[in-house]
Protein backbone atom coordinates (compact mmCIF):
# COMPACT_ATOMS: atom_id res chain seq x y z
CA UNK A 1 109.27 110.67 89.80
CA UNK A 2 113.00 110.20 89.35
CA UNK A 3 113.55 110.91 93.05
CA UNK A 4 110.92 108.36 94.04
CA UNK A 5 112.48 105.78 91.71
CA UNK A 6 116.01 106.38 92.95
CA UNK A 7 114.89 106.43 96.58
CA UNK A 8 113.51 102.92 96.08
CA UNK A 9 116.63 101.81 94.21
CA UNK A 10 114.75 101.01 90.99
CA UNK A 11 116.14 101.23 87.49
CA UNK A 12 113.85 102.78 84.89
CA UNK A 13 113.05 99.28 83.64
CA UNK A 14 112.20 98.00 87.14
CA UNK A 15 110.03 101.05 87.81
CA UNK A 16 108.23 100.59 84.50
CA UNK A 17 107.53 96.94 85.28
CA UNK A 18 106.35 97.75 88.81
CA UNK A 19 104.01 100.48 87.58
CA UNK A 20 102.86 98.63 84.48
CA UNK A 21 104.24 101.22 82.04
CA UNK A 22 106.89 101.04 79.35
CA UNK A 23 110.45 102.18 80.08
CA UNK A 24 109.93 104.88 77.45
CA UNK A 25 106.95 106.29 79.38
CA UNK A 26 108.96 106.45 82.62
CA UNK A 27 111.90 108.10 80.87
CA UNK A 28 109.63 110.63 79.14
CA UNK A 29 107.86 111.47 82.41
CA UNK A 30 111.17 111.96 84.21
CA UNK A 31 112.54 114.19 81.44
CA UNK A 32 109.29 116.18 81.17
CA UNK A 33 108.92 115.10 77.55
CA UNK A 34 105.38 113.96 78.28
CA UNK A 35 102.90 114.03 81.12
CA UNK A 36 101.00 111.03 82.47
CA UNK A 37 97.24 110.97 82.16
CA UNK A 38 95.33 111.73 85.34
CA UNK A 39 94.56 108.03 85.76
CA UNK A 40 98.23 107.11 85.30
CA UNK A 41 99.30 109.81 87.74
CA UNK A 42 96.87 108.47 90.34
CA UNK A 43 98.29 104.98 89.83
CA UNK A 44 101.87 106.29 90.22
CA UNK A 45 100.92 108.14 93.41
CA UNK A 46 99.17 105.08 94.83
CA UNK A 47 101.83 102.51 93.97
CA UNK A 48 104.74 104.68 95.10
CA UNK A 49 102.92 105.97 98.21
CA UNK A 50 103.63 109.55 97.18
CA UNK A 51 102.06 112.59 98.81
CA UNK A 52 99.33 113.68 96.40
CA UNK A 53 99.08 117.06 98.14
CA UNK A 54 102.72 117.84 97.31
CA UNK A 55 102.09 116.93 93.68
CA UNK A 56 98.79 118.73 93.17
CA UNK A 57 99.49 121.69 95.50
CA UNK A 58 103.30 122.12 95.49
CA UNK A 59 103.12 125.76 96.56
CA UNK A 60 101.36 124.70 99.75
CA UNK A 61 102.74 121.24 100.45
CA UNK A 62 105.93 121.03 98.37
CA UNK A 63 108.22 122.26 101.14
CA UNK A 64 108.94 119.75 103.87
CA UNK A 65 108.83 122.50 106.51
CA UNK A 66 105.45 123.73 105.28
CA UNK A 67 104.12 120.19 105.21
CA UNK A 68 105.33 119.48 108.75
CA UNK A 69 103.91 122.77 109.96
CA UNK A 70 100.53 121.86 108.51
CA UNK A 71 100.65 118.44 110.14
CA UNK A 72 101.58 119.93 113.53
CA UNK A 73 98.68 122.35 113.30
CA UNK A 74 96.28 119.40 113.31
CA UNK A 75 97.72 117.84 116.50
CA UNK A 76 96.46 118.38 120.03
CA UNK A 77 98.81 119.67 122.75
CA UNK A 78 99.69 116.18 124.04
CA UNK A 79 100.73 114.96 120.59
CA UNK A 80 102.74 118.15 119.99
CA UNK A 81 104.62 117.51 123.26
CA UNK A 82 105.37 113.97 122.06
CA UNK A 83 106.68 115.30 118.75
CA UNK A 84 108.86 117.85 120.56
CA UNK A 85 110.35 115.08 122.70
CA UNK A 86 111.07 112.96 119.63
CA UNK A 87 112.72 115.88 117.82
CA UNK A 88 114.84 116.71 120.86
CA UNK A 89 115.98 113.07 121.12
CA UNK A 90 116.79 113.03 117.42
CA UNK A 91 118.81 116.24 117.64
CA UNK A 92 120.77 114.97 120.65
CA UNK A 93 121.50 111.73 118.84
CA UNK A 94 122.54 113.56 115.69
CA UNK A 95 124.84 115.90 117.68
CA UNK A 96 126.42 112.89 119.39
CA UNK A 97 127.09 111.20 116.04
CA UNK A 98 128.88 114.28 114.69
CA UNK A 99 131.54 114.24 117.40
């Protein structure tokens, strides 16, 4: 949760207000001092647009590479070719920026 908060540039207080929780709840969740209820967790996932699979099945979806691999598996050949082209363009651009 801390990563999601920081990624959005929220303070604990701003995150609490956005989610409708107290700052204490957010702090306790981030420090693993307490766990949100299932309903609260669902609200956090929804409002922060988090990947529920990565939260509920971290061994399967927690790794970015595993997640991407799973997503690619569901694509047809044409879409995979499009993804390959995008990745190649990205890598070329990244290599050019490092010079």
